[in-house]
Amino acid sequence: MRETIFAYMKKKYNISPDYPWIKYDDNAVFRHRDNRKWFALVMSVAREKLGLSGEGYVDVINLKIPDRMLKDMLVREPGIYPAYHMSKEHWITVLLDKTVSEDKICDLIGLSFEATASKKKRKI
């Protein structure tokens, strides 16, 4: 699903992934062009780090959710967790293994994009 999400962000926001870490060359950051703020981080995480059974890694996307109540509701859904390796107050981690629908992931990307946009570009 990683490729599908990358294609969606390219089409919707005209933004390509940025790979800031040489050591972790499959970890991709998506940033706003104007303020350079991250709105998504796609990475592979050891299953055990998320409390998942089994060995190996799973692809995830970290997204900013500005509304704390919404974030708290989302992390109760299958495939959505408090953020791995980021602020758990404002960010969530979503599995990219089809546990969460593509449509829902795209909606959450939109929330994160809006939450991290420069103030002059936010919707009123």
Protein backbone atom coordinates (compact mmCIF):
# COMPACT_ATOMS: atom_id res chain seq x y z
CA MET A 1 0.00 0.00 0.00
CA ARG A 2 3.04 2.25 0.39
CA GLU A 3 3.18 2.92 -3.38
CA THR A 4 -0.55 3.69 -3.48
CA ILE A 5 -0.20 6.26 -0.70
CA PHE A 6 2.84 7.84 -2.38
CA ALA A 7 0.92 8.13 -5.65
CA TYR A 8 -2.07 9.64 -3.83
CA MET A 9 0.08 12.35 -2.21
CA LYS A 10 1.77 13.13 -5.51
CA LYS A 11 -1.58 13.47 -7.29
CA LYS A 12 -3.49 15.28 -4.53
CA TYR A 13 -0.74 17.58 -3.16
CA ASN A 14 1.95 17.41 -5.87
CA ILE A 15 4.47 16.38 -3.21
CA SER A 16 7.07 13.65 -3.53
CA PRO A 17 8.71 11.84 -0.64
CA ASP A 18 11.85 13.19 0.97
CA TYR A 19 14.38 10.69 2.36
CA PRO A 20 16.29 12.58 5.07
CA TRP A 21 18.04 9.62 6.70
CA ILE A 22 20.73 7.70 4.84
CA LYS A 23 20.69 4.90 7.41
CA TYR A 24 16.92 4.45 7.04
CA ASP A 25 16.59 4.90 3.30
CA ASP A 26 13.04 3.53 3.13
CA ASN A 27 11.68 6.08 5.63
CA ALA A 28 9.97 8.85 3.69
CA VAL A 29 8.87 12.26 4.91
CA PHE A 30 6.20 14.33 3.20
CA ARG A 31 6.47 18.08 3.80
CA HIS A 32 4.64 21.23 2.83
CA ARG A 33 6.48 23.18 0.18
CA ASP A 34 6.13 26.56 1.89
CA ASN A 35 6.73 25.92 5.58
CA ARG A 36 8.60 22.57 5.24
CA LYS A 37 6.53 21.08 8.08
CA TRP A 38 6.00 17.35 7.96
CA PHE A 39 2.47 16.12 7.47
CA ALA A 40 3.32 12.44 7.01
CA LEU A 41 6.11 10.02 7.77
CA VAL A 42 6.06 6.61 6.11
CA MET A 43 8.39 4.01 7.60
CA SER A 44 8.93 0.36 8.36
CA VAL A 45 8.65 -0.49 12.04
CA ALA A 46 9.38 -3.72 13.88
CA ARG A 47 6.06 -5.37 14.67
CA GLU A 48 7.04 -5.70 18.33
CA LYS A 49 7.39 -1.89 18.64
CA LEU A 50 3.63 -1.61 18.07
CA GLY A 51 2.78 -4.60 20.25
CA LEU A 52 1.95 -6.76 17.23
CA SER A 53 2.58 -10.48 17.25
CA GLY A 54 5.01 -12.09 14.87
CA GLU A 55 8.43 -11.15 13.63
CA GLY A 56 9.54 -8.73 10.99
CA TYR A 57 8.48 -5.26 10.00
CA VAL A 58 5.29 -3.55 8.94
CA ASP A 59 4.83 -0.35 6.92
CA VAL A 60 3.14 2.50 8.79
CA ILE A 61 2.32 6.15 8.29
CA ASN A 62 2.50 8.75 11.06
CA LEU A 63 -0.04 11.57 10.77
CA LYS A 64 -0.83 14.65 12.83
CA ILE A 65 -4.36 14.80 14.24
CA PRO A 66 -5.04 18.27 15.67
CA ASP A 67 -8.13 17.38 17.68
CA ARG A 68 -7.20 15.45 20.81
CA MET A 69 -10.67 13.92 21.21
CA LEU A 70 -10.63 12.66 17.64
CA LYS A 71 -7.11 11.28 18.12
CA ASP A 72 -8.21 9.45 21.27
CA MET A 73 -11.17 7.93 19.38
CA LEU A 74 -9.01 6.93 16.41
CA VAL A 75 -6.47 4.99 18.48
CA ARG A 76 -9.27 2.68 19.60
CA GLU A 77 -9.78 1.50 16.02
CA PRO A 78 -7.95 -1.55 14.64
CA GLY A 79 -4.73 -0.60 12.85
CA ILE A 80 -4.41 2.85 14.46
CA TYR A 81 -2.01 3.44 17.36
CA PRO A 82 -0.56 6.26 19.42
CA ALA A 83 2.35 7.59 17.38
CA TYR A 84 5.48 5.53 17.21
CA HIS A 85 8.59 7.66 17.60
CA MET A 86 6.71 10.99 17.63
CA SER A 87 4.57 13.05 20.00
CA LYS A 88 1.73 10.82 21.12
CA GLU A 89 -0.31 13.90 22.01
CA HIS A 90 -0.85 15.00 18.41
CA TRP A 91 0.29 12.16 16.14
CA ILE A 92 -0.99 8.68 15.30
CA THR A 93 0.54 5.67 13.59
CA VAL A 94 -1.59 3.87 11.01
CA LEU A 95 -0.78 0.42 9.64
CA LEU A 96 -0.41 0.26 5.87
CA ASP A 97 -1.40 -3.41 5.69
CA LYS A 98 -5.04 -2.95 4.64
CA THR A 99 -6.30 -3.13 8.27
CA VAL A 100 -7.36 0.49 7.73
CA SER A 101 -9.09 1.28 4.43
CA GLU A 102 -7.32 3.32 1.79
CA ASP A 103 -10.15 5.88 1.88
CA LYS A 104 -9.78 6.35 5.65
CA ILE A 105 -6.01 6.73 5.34
CA CYS A 106 -6.50 9.37 2.64
CA ASP A 107 -8.97 11.24 4.87
CA LEU A 108 -6.47 11.15 7.75
CA ILE A 109 -3.71 12.39 5.44
CA GLY A 110 -5.99 15.32 4.58
CA LEU A 111 -6.45 16.14 8.28
CA SER A 112 -2.71 16.01 8.84
CA PHE A 113 -2.01 18.13 5.76
CA GLU A 114 -4.48 20.75 6.97
CA ALA A 115 -3.17 20.66 10.56
CA THR A 116 0.39 21.35 9.47
CA ALA A 117 -0.34 23.93 6.76
CA SER A 118 0.84 27.49 7.22
CA LYS A 119 -1.88 29.60 8.82
CA LYS A 120 -2.52 31.60 5.68
CA LYS A 121 -3.26 28.41 3.73
CA ARG A 122 -5.56 26.72 6.25
CA LYS A 123 -9.22 26.50 5.37
CA ILE A 124 -11.49 28.84 7.26
